[in-house]
C-alpha cells in the first residue's frame, strides 16, 4: 500500500465538492481504499472537523471495516 497514493485519493474525494456529513466522507475513503487495495482485510478511517462548534475543538467519526476474503 502506497500511503502517498492514499493521501492523493483522499484529497481528490475532498475536492469533489462539499460533503455534508463526515460519516459520508469516511465511507467514501473506506470504499476507495478497499477498491484500490483488495488485499486489505481490515481498515480504520478517522475523520475530524475542527472548529465546527464554539467551545469544541473538533468533532470526529471513526469507521472500522473488516473484509472477509473469498475462499479459492
PDB file of N, CA and C in Angstrom:
ATOM      1  N   UNK A   1       0.846  -1.173   0.000  1.00  0.00           N
ATOM      2  CA  UNK A   1       0.000   0.000   0.000  1.00  0.00           C
ATOM      3  C   UNK A   1       0.890   1.235   0.000  1.00  0.00           C
ATOM      4  N   UNK A   2       0.612   2.104  -0.917  1.00  0.00           N
ATOM      5  CA  UNK A   2       1.376   3.354  -1.020  1.00  0.00           C
ATOM      6  C   UNK A   2       0.575   4.457  -0.326  1.00  0.00           C
ATOM      7  N   UNK A   3       1.086   4.934   0.792  1.00  0.00           N
ATOM      8  CA  UNK A   3       0.350   5.939   1.565  1.00  0.00           C
ATOM      9  C   UNK A   3       0.249   7.263   0.817  1.00  0.00           C
ATOM     10  N   UNK A   4       1.213   7.564  -0.017  1.00  0.00           N
ATOM     11  CA  UNK A   4       1.142   8.786  -0.817  1.00  0.00           C
ATOM     12  C   UNK A   4      -0.060   8.726  -1.767  1.00  0.00           C
ATOM     13  N   UNK A   5      -0.279   7.568  -2.359  1.00  0.00           N
ATOM     14  CA  UNK A   5      -1.429   7.377  -3.245  1.00  0.00           C
ATOM     15  C   UNK A   5      -2.736   7.501  -2.469  1.00  0.00           C
ATOM     16  N   UNK A   6      -2.781   6.931  -1.278  1.00  0.00           N
ATOM     17  CA  UNK A   6      -3.978   7.024  -0.442  1.00  0.00           C
ATOM     18  C   UNK A   6      -4.276   8.491  -0.127  1.00  0.00           C
ATOM     19  N   UNK A   7      -3.254   9.246   0.244  1.00  0.00           N
ATOM     20  CA  UNK A   7      -3.435  10.671   0.551  1.00  0.00           C
ATOM     21  C   UNK A   7      -3.953  11.420  -0.676  1.00  0.00           C
ATOM     22  N   UNK A   8      -3.398  11.123  -1.844  1.00  0.00           N
ATOM     23  CA  UNK A   8      -3.864  11.765  -3.073  1.00  0.00           C
ATOM     24  C   UNK A   8      -5.332  11.452  -3.340  1.00  0.00           C
ATOM     25  N   UNK A   9      -5.737  10.217  -3.096  1.00  0.00           N
ATOM     26  CA  UNK A   9      -7.125   9.819  -3.319  1.00  0.00           C
ATOM     27  C   UNK A   9      -8.060  10.496  -2.320  1.00  0.00           C
ATOM     28  N   UNK A  10      -7.630  10.626  -1.073  1.00  0.00           N
ATOM     29  CA  UNK A  10      -8.436  11.313  -0.063  1.00  0.00           C
ATOM     30  C   UNK A  10      -8.596  12.783  -0.456  1.00  0.00           C
ATOM     31  N   UNK A  11      -7.523  13.401  -0.897  1.00  0.00           N
ATOM     32  CA  UNK A  11      -7.611  14.796  -1.353  1.00  0.00           C
ATOM     33  C   UNK A  11      -8.571  14.929  -2.534  1.00  0.00           C
ATOM     34  N   UNK A  12      -8.522  13.975  -3.461  1.00  0.00           N
ATOM     35  CA  UNK A  12      -9.412  14.011  -4.624  1.00  0.00           C
ATOM     36  C   UNK A  12     -10.876  13.891  -4.186  1.00  0.00           C
ATOM     37  N   UNK A  13     -11.154  13.029  -3.227  1.00  0.00           N
ATOM     38  CA  UNK A  13     -12.518  12.890  -2.706  1.00  0.00           C
ATOM     39  C   UNK A  13     -12.965  14.209  -2.086  1.00  0.00           C
ATOM     40  N   UNK A  14     -12.106  14.819  -1.299  1.00  0.00           N
ATOM     41  CA  UNK A  14     -12.446  16.082  -0.642  1.00  0.00           C
ATOM     42  C   UNK A  14     -12.668  17.205  -1.648  1.00  0.00           C
ATOM     43  N   UNK A  15     -11.973  17.164  -2.766  1.00  0.00           N
ATOM     44  CA  UNK A  15     -12.074  18.219  -3.777  1.00  0.00           C
ATOM     45  C   UNK A  15     -13.286  18.044  -4.700  1.00  0.00           C
ATOM     46  N   UNK A  16     -13.987  16.909  -4.599  1.00  0.00           N
ATOM     47  CA  UNK A  16     -15.158  16.667  -5.445  1.00  0.00           C
ATOM     48  C   UNK A  16     -16.294  17.635  -5.142  1.00  0.00           C
ATOM     49  N   UNK A  17     -16.262  18.236  -3.988  1.00  0.00           N
ATOM     50  CA  UNK A  17     -17.317  19.168  -3.601  1.00  0.00           C
ATOM     51  C   UNK A  17     -17.686  18.968  -2.147  1.00  0.00           C
ATOM     52  N   UNK A  18     -18.580  19.824  -1.677  1.00  0.00           N
ATOM     53  CA  UNK A  18     -18.981  19.782  -0.272  1.00  0.00           C
ATOM     54  C   UNK A  18     -19.605  18.437   0.086  1.00  0.00           C
ATOM     55  N   UNK A  19     -19.156  17.893   1.185  1.00  0.00           N
ATOM     56  CA  UNK A  19     -19.725  16.660   1.730  1.00  0.00           C
ATOM     57  C   UNK A  19     -20.340  17.038   3.071  1.00  0.00           C
ATOM     58  N   UNK A  20     -21.637  16.903   3.179  1.00  0.00           N
ATOM     59  CA  UNK A  20     -22.354  17.395   4.348  1.00  0.00           C
ATOM     60  C   UNK A  20     -21.962  16.673   5.644  1.00  0.00           C
ATOM     61  N   UNK A  21     -21.800  15.372   5.570  1.00  0.00           N
ATOM     62  CA  UNK A  21     -21.525  14.587   6.777  1.00  0.00           C
ATOM     63  C   UNK A  21     -20.122  13.994   6.748  1.00  0.00           C
ATOM     64  N   UNK A  22     -19.424  14.073   7.881  1.00  0.00           N
ATOM     65  CA  UNK A  22     -18.093  13.456   7.929  1.00  0.00           C
ATOM     66  C   UNK A  22     -18.203  11.933   7.866  1.00  0.00           C
ATOM     67  N   UNK A  23     -19.363  11.402   8.252  1.00  0.00           N
ATOM     68  CA  UNK A  23     -19.582   9.965   8.114  1.00  0.00           C
ATOM     69  C   UNK A  23     -19.539   9.547   6.645  1.00  0.00           C
ATOM     70  N   UNK A  24     -20.110  10.370   5.780  1.00  0.00           N
ATOM     71  CA  UNK A  24     -20.102  10.106   4.343  1.00  0.00           C
ATOM     72  C   UNK A  24     -18.680  10.147   3.808  1.00  0.00           C
ATOM     73  N   UNK A  25     -17.902  11.118   4.249  1.00  0.00           N
ATOM     74  CA  UNK A  25     -16.505  11.207   3.834  1.00  0.00           C
ATOM     75  C   UNK A  25     -15.733   9.963   4.267  1.00  0.00           C
ATOM     76  N   UNK A  26     -15.925   9.527   5.493  1.00  0.00           N
ATOM     77  CA  UNK A  26     -15.245   8.325   5.984  1.00  0.00           C
ATOM     78  C   UNK A  26     -15.621   7.098   5.157  1.00  0.00           C
ATOM     79  N   UNK A  27     -16.902   6.974   4.809  1.00  0.00           N
ATOM     80  CA  UNK A  27     -17.369   5.858   3.979  1.00  0.00           C
ATOM     81  C   UNK A  27     -16.711   5.881   2.600  1.00  0.00           C
ATOM     82  N   UNK A  28     -16.637   7.049   2.003  1.00  0.00           N
ATOM     83  CA  UNK A  28     -16.020   7.164   0.670  1.00  0.00           C
ATOM     84  C   UNK A  28     -14.541   6.816   0.714  1.00  0.00           C
ATOM     85  N   UNK A  29     -13.863   7.242   1.745  1.00  0.00           N
ATOM     86  CA  UNK A  29     -12.438   6.909   1.897  1.00  0.00           C
ATOM     87  C   UNK A  29     -12.271   5.398   2.054  1.00  0.00           C
ATOM     88  N   UNK A  30     -13.086   4.795   2.903  1.00  0.00           N
ATOM     89  CA  UNK A  30     -13.001   3.340   3.123  1.00  0.00           C
ATOM     90  C   UNK A  30     -13.294   2.583   1.830  1.00  0.00           C
ATOM     91  N   UNK A  31     -14.330   2.995   1.099  1.00  0.00           N
ATOM     92  CA  UNK A  31     -14.674   2.324  -0.157  1.00  0.00           C
ATOM     93  C   UNK A  31     -13.535   2.423  -1.168  1.00  0.00           C
ATOM     94  N   UNK A  32     -12.943   3.603  -1.277  1.00  0.00           N
ATOM     95  CA  UNK A  32     -11.834   3.812  -2.218  1.00  0.00           C
ATOM     96  C   UNK A  32     -10.642   2.940  -1.854  1.00  0.00           C
ATOM     97  N   UNK A  33     -10.294   2.923  -0.578  1.00  0.00           N
ATOM     98  CA  UNK A  33      -9.136   2.128  -0.153  1.00  0.00           C
ATOM     99  C   UNK A  33      -9.368   0.646  -0.400  1.00  0.00           C
ATOM    100  N   UNK A  34     -10.569   0.175  -0.108  1.00  0.00           N
ATOM    101  CA  UNK A  34     -10.853  -1.248  -0.315  1.00  0.00           C
ATOM    102  C   UNK A  34     -10.860  -1.591  -1.806  1.00  0.00           C
ATOM    103  N   UNK A  35     -11.416  -0.727  -2.624  1.00  0.00           N
ATOM    104  CA  UNK A  35     -11.461  -0.971  -4.067  1.00  0.00           C
ATOM    105  C   UNK A  35     -10.055  -0.974  -4.666  1.00  0.00           C
ATOM    106  N   UNK A  36      -9.226  -0.010  -4.263  1.00  0.00           N
ATOM    107  CA  UNK A  36      -7.879   0.107  -4.826  1.00  0.00           C
ATOM    108  C   UNK A  36      -6.900  -0.911  -4.259  1.00  0.00           C
ATOM    109  N   UNK A  37      -7.179  -1.399  -3.067  1.00  0.00           N
ATOM    110  CA  UNK A  37      -6.286  -2.365  -2.416  1.00  0.00           C
ATOM    111  C   UNK A  37      -7.110  -3.551  -1.924  1.00  0.00           C
ATOM    112  N   UNK A  38      -7.538  -4.427  -2.829  1.00  0.00           N
ATOM    113  CA  UNK A  38      -8.421  -5.533  -2.451  1.00  0.00           C
ATOM    114  C   UNK A  38      -7.782  -6.534  -1.485  1.00  0.00           C
ATOM    115  N   UNK A  39      -6.463  -6.514  -1.349  1.00  0.00           N
ATOM    116  CA  UNK A  39      -5.811  -7.423  -0.402  1.00  0.00           C
ATOM    117  C   UNK A  39      -5.905  -6.931   1.035  1.00  0.00           C
ATOM    118  N   UNK A  40      -6.362  -5.699   1.230  1.00  0.00           N
ATOM    119  CA  UNK A  40      -6.534  -5.174   2.583  1.00  0.00           C
ATOM    120  C   UNK A  40      -7.710  -5.905   3.220  1.00  0.00           C
ATOM    121  N   UNK A  41      -7.495  -6.496   4.371  1.00  0.00           N
ATOM    122  CA  UNK A  41      -8.546  -7.265   5.030  1.00  0.00           C
ATOM    123  C   UNK A  41      -9.266  -6.473   6.116  1.00  0.00           C
ATOM    124  N   UNK A  42      -8.676  -5.366   6.554  1.00  0.00           N
ATOM    125  CA  UNK A  42      -9.322  -4.520   7.558  1.00  0.00           C
ATOM    126  C   UNK A  42      -8.778  -3.107   7.414  1.00  0.00           C
ATOM    127  N   UNK A  43      -9.619  -2.153   7.756  1.00  0.00           N
ATOM    128  CA  UNK A  43      -9.148  -0.772   7.752  1.00  0.00           C
ATOM    129  C   UNK A  43      -9.892   0.032   8.795  1.00  0.00           C
ATOM    130  N   UNK A  44      -9.269   1.130   9.171  1.00  0.00           N
ATOM    131  CA  UNK A  44      -9.804   2.031  10.171  1.00  0.00           C
ATOM    132  C   UNK A  44      -9.642   3.444   9.624  1.00  0.00           C
ATOM    133  N   UNK A  45     -10.732   4.173   9.510  1.00  0.00           N
ATOM    134  CA  UNK A  45     -10.697   5.535   8.987  1.00  0.00           C
ATOM    135  C   UNK A  45     -11.228   6.469  10.076  1.00  0.00           C
ATOM    136  N   UNK A  46     -10.463   7.499  10.376  1.00  0.00           N
ATOM    137  CA  UNK A  46     -10.907   8.507  11.335  1.00  0.00           C
ATOM    138  C   UNK A  46     -10.891   9.858  10.641  1.00  0.00           C
ATOM    139  N   UNK A  47     -12.025  10.563  10.705  1.00  0.00           N
ATOM    140  CA  UNK A  47     -12.165  11.871  10.082  1.00  0.00           C
ATOM    141  C   UNK A  47     -12.574  12.861  11.169  1.00  0.00           C
ATOM    142  N   UNK A  48     -11.923  14.015  11.171  1.00  0.00           N
ATOM    143  CA  UNK A  48     -12.242  15.054  12.148  1.00  0.00           C
ATOM    144  C   UNK A  48     -12.484  16.381  11.452  1.00  0.00           C
ATOM    145  N   UNK A  49     -13.427  17.146  11.987  1.00  0.00           N
ATOM    146  CA  UNK A  49     -13.661  18.517  11.549  1.00  0.00           C
ATOM    147  C   UNK A  49     -13.317  19.415  12.735  1.00  0.00           C
ATOM    148  N   UNK A  50     -12.478  20.407  12.480  1.00  0.00           N
ATOM    149  CA  UNK A  50     -12.076  21.300  13.564  1.00  0.00           C
ATOM    150  C   UNK A  50     -12.901  22.581  13.537  1.00  0.00           C
ATOM    151  N   UNK A  51     -13.026  23.196  14.689  1.00  0.00           N
ATOM    152  CA  UNK A  51     -13.710  24.490  14.831  1.00  0.00           C
ATOM    153  C   UNK A  51     -15.119  24.502  14.244  1.00  0.00           C
ATOM    154  N   UNK A  52     -15.887  23.456  14.512  1.00  0.00           N
ATOM    155  CA  UNK A  52     -17.250  23.383  13.998  1.00  0.00           C
ATOM    156  C   UNK A  52     -18.222  24.078  14.959  1.00  0.00           C
ATOM    157  N   UNK A  53     -18.010  23.856  16.253  1.00  0.00           N
ATOM    158  CA  UNK A  53     -18.868  24.440  17.279  1.00  0.00           C
ATOM    159  C   UNK A  53     -18.042  25.270  18.236  1.00  0.00           C
ATOM    160  N   UNK A  54     -18.612  26.327  18.721  1.00  0.00           N
ATOM    161  CA  UNK A  54     -17.943  27.168  19.701  1.00  0.00           C
ATOM    162  C   UNK A  54     -17.637  26.350  20.959  1.00  0.00           C
ATOM    163  N   UNK A  55     -16.408  26.428  21.405  1.00  0.00           N
ATOM    164  CA  UNK A  55     -16.014  25.728  22.620  1.00  0.00           C
ATOM    165  C   UNK A  55     -15.708  24.258  22.436  1.00  0.00           C
ATOM    166  N   UNK A  56     -15.752  23.778  21.211  1.00  0.00           N
ATOM    167  CA  UNK A  56     -15.460  22.366  20.920  1.00  0.00           C
ATOM    168  C   UNK A  56     -14.293  22.329  19.944  1.00  0.00           C
ATOM    169  N   UNK A  57     -13.232  21.633  20.310  1.00  0.00           N
ATOM    170  CA  UNK A  57     -12.039  21.600  19.467  1.00  0.00           C
ATOM    171  C   UNK A  57     -12.293  20.908  18.128  1.00  0.00           C
ATOM    172  N   UNK A  58     -13.023  19.790  18.167  1.00  0.00           N
ATOM    173  CA  UNK A  58     -13.282  19.054  16.925  1.00  0.00           C
ATOM    174  C   UNK A  58     -14.416  18.069  17.129  1.00  0.00           C
ATOM    175  N   UNK A  59     -14.994  17.644  16.023  1.00  0.00           N
ATOM    176  CA  UNK A  59     -15.944  16.535  16.004  1.00  0.00           C
ATOM    177  C   UNK A  59     -15.324  15.471  15.109  1.00  0.00           C
ATOM    178  N   UNK A  60     -15.451  14.219  15.522  1.00  0.00           N
ATOM    179  CA  UNK A  60     -14.795  13.134  14.788  1.00  0.00           C
ATOM    180  C   UNK A  60     -15.731  11.950  14.611  1.00  0.00           C
ATOM    181  N   UNK A  61     -15.414  11.165  13.602  1.00  0.00           N
ATOM    182  CA  UNK A  61     -16.071   9.881  13.404  1.00  0.00           C
ATOM    183  C   UNK A  61     -14.973   8.877  13.066  1.00  0.00           C
ATOM    184  N   UNK A  62     -15.133   7.672  13.584  1.00  0.00           N
ATOM    185  CA  UNK A  62     -14.169   6.615  13.299  1.00  0.00           C
ATOM    186  C   UNK A  62     -14.935   5.424  12.736  1.00  0.00           C
ATOM    187  N   UNK A  63     -14.463   4.943  11.599  1.00  0.00           N
ATOM    188  CA  UNK A  63     -15.108   3.847  10.896  1.00  0.00           C
ATOM    189  C   UNK A  63     -14.134   2.676  10.836  1.00  0.00           C
ATOM    190  N   UNK A  64     -14.608   1.523  11.244  1.00  0.00           N
ATOM    191  CA  UNK A  64     -13.786   0.312  11.203  1.00  0.00           C
ATOM    192  C   UNK A  64     -14.470  -0.691  10.289  1.00  0.00           C
ATOM    193  N   UNK A  65     -13.697  -1.264   9.368  1.00  0.00           N
ATOM    194  CA  UNK A  65     -14.251  -2.276   8.470  1.00  0.00           C
ATOM    195  C   UNK A  65     -13.346  -3.495   8.437  1.00  0.00           C
ATOM    196  N   UNK A  66     -13.977  -4.646   8.406  1.00  0.00           N
ATOM    197  CA  UNK A  66     -13.272  -5.913   8.224  1.00  0.00           C
ATOM    198  C   UNK A  66     -13.860  -6.585   6.998  1.00  0.00           C
ATOM    199  N   UNK A  67     -12.981  -7.062   6.144  1.00  0.00           N
ATOM    200  CA  UNK A  67     -13.409  -7.683   4.900  1.00  0.00           C
ATOM    201  C   UNK A  67     -13.015  -9.161   4.917  1.00  0.00           C
ATOM    202  N   UNK A  68     -13.979 -10.005   4.640  1.00  0.00           N
ATOM    203  CA  UNK A  68     -13.695 -11.436   4.566  1.00  0.00           C
ATOM    204  C   UNK A  68     -13.164 -11.750   3.188  1.00  0.00           C
ATOM    205  N   UNK A  69     -12.146 -12.548   3.146  1.00  0.00           N
ATOM    206  CA  UNK A  69     -11.610 -12.991   1.856  1.00  0.00           C
ATOM    207  C   UNK A  69     -12.400 -14.179   1.362  1.00  0.00           C
ATOM    208  N   UNK A  70     -12.605 -14.216   0.059  1.00  0.00           N
ATOM    209  CA  UNK A  70     -13.291 -15.349  -0.536  1.00  0.00           C
ATOM    210  C   UNK A  70     -12.349 -16.546  -0.591  1.00  0.00           C
ATOM    211  N   UNK A  71     -12.875 -17.720  -0.305  1.00  0.00           N
ATOM    212  CA  UNK A  71     -12.071 -18.934  -0.386  1.00  0.00           C
ATOM    213  C   UNK A  71     -11.785 -19.258  -1.835  1.00  0.00           C
ATOM    214  N   UNK A  72     -10.557 -19.654  -2.123  1.00  0.00           N
ATOM    215  CA  UNK A  72     -10.185 -20.029  -3.504  1.00  0.00           C
ATOM    216  C   UNK A  72     -10.486 -21.466  -3.783  1.00  0.00           C
TER     217      UNK A  72
END
